[in-house]
Amino acid sequence: MEGLGTQSGFDKEQAQAQEPIPAQERHFKSLYFVAFIVFVDMCGMGLIVPIMPSLIQGLTGVSVDRAAEIGGLLLFAFAMMQFLFAPVIGGLSDRYGRRPVMLVTLALLGFDYILMALAPTLAWLFVGRIISGIMGATWAAANSCVADVIPSDQRGKAFGLMGAAGAAGFVMGPAIGGILGHFGDRVPFWAAAAMALGGAVAGYFLLSETLDKSKRRGFDMKRANPLGNIIQMMKSPLVIGFLGVIFMMQLAMQVQLTVWSYYTILKFNWSPLTIGLSVAMFGTLVVLVQGVLTGKVIARFGEVKTGLYGLTLAIPAYIIFAFATDGWMMFAAMFIGVGANMAFPGMQAMMTRTVAEDSQGELQGAIASIIGITSIIGPLMMTGIFGMFSDGRGLYFPGAPFIMAALLIALAIVQFALTVRRVGRGVAV
């Protein structure tokens, strides 16, 4: 592992500066296509969200409440596979390069959507979601491309671009899926397949390799596992500290993914359209913040202050969510809390500077594994708290999950500050 501010990091930036301009331009253009791949992954997953309840009911004949339980198990299976295979995908990209790994997984994801479009039984749908979780774990390889070609002091903006691409897919996917769902429960799967396969074909011609062969390392299955990746990152105090921050931050954000619709229906009697518009609006705000503001804010205040200020904004937003008495307050709180999305790209940029060049995929795999853990335990935790305080027995306070989220963010801020203090002057502020 390389320390912060080491000579090897300086040499890397010097080498990048001396690289022929055409090659640099080719790599930078590739990053836009990598962002497109991230968009396709998120959009493809979102396309199928609106039709899953009716598809499950059509395959099983169960009631809506039972269909929701089955849908939760499908989500669990998907999240578990992403958790297990994200470090494998990251490790393979360190060994064979980013380009082949992303193209192969994207193509296989396309064929998997076809499998789900044709799935005759619920069991086949589970198989499809399991494969989707494996092939959709390209996040690690995609973010490794940023570390390959972007100078360390500019990575925050580039990671913001990746986040914005994912958020854009998150916004457009469900909206498109809802429209296509009117033509049949299977139509969104065919659309997702077309996007993935089309992206793989386009990538074959447009995506160039970002990882030089001299910087690749052998694939070690002992290191390519979720806990193994995280253990490897323990060699860097800053990385392991920030992984703790990411864990608490992402666990808090699970409340918006799992409880939002139930909470707003219970308190404000929101319709599905209003819920959909609120999700789309938040996703749009994330796109603007990560794609436009993050780079400028980091340039103005530095990565550390951006992280602290961004995380702090989430606390009042969650408190407003918890105690809101009118629907407009939920929308107002979004404008405050969306600033928290600036913290993640800055942390990513700082972490990449502490990791050796041949281990960037391993780092991104560890980050993906941490996010995967929160995707597994977060829904059960947040919906459990919501149910406990919304069932009419004992204290009635449906906003309790948002208070839990605020507490998690407070702990994340403390962890962030302690990590920066522990590392000391090596962190650029």
Foldseek 3Di string as FASTA:
>chain_A
DFAFPDPVLVVLVVVLVPPDPVVLVLLVQLLVLLLLLLLLLLLLVQLQVVLQQVVQCVQPVDDSVVSVVLVVVLLLLLLVLLLWQLLVLLLVCLAPFLLVSLLVLLLVLLVLLVQCLPPNHVVSVSVSSNSSSNSSSSQLSSLLSLLLNPRLLQQLLSVLSSQLSSLNSNLNNNVNSVVQCVVHSSRSSNVSSCSSNVSSVVSVVRRDTRHDNVLGDDRDVCCSGQVNLLVVLVVHLLLNLVLLLLLLLLLLVLLCVAPVVVLCCVQPVDDPVVSSVLSSVLSVLSSCCSNPPLSVVCVVPNLLVLQLQLLVQQQVLLVQVQPPNYPVSNSVSSNRNSSNSSNVSSSLSQSSSRDGSSCSSSSSSNSSSSSSVSSNVSNVVLVVVQCVQPVPPDHNGNSVSSNVSSVSSVVSSVSSVVSDVVSDPSGID
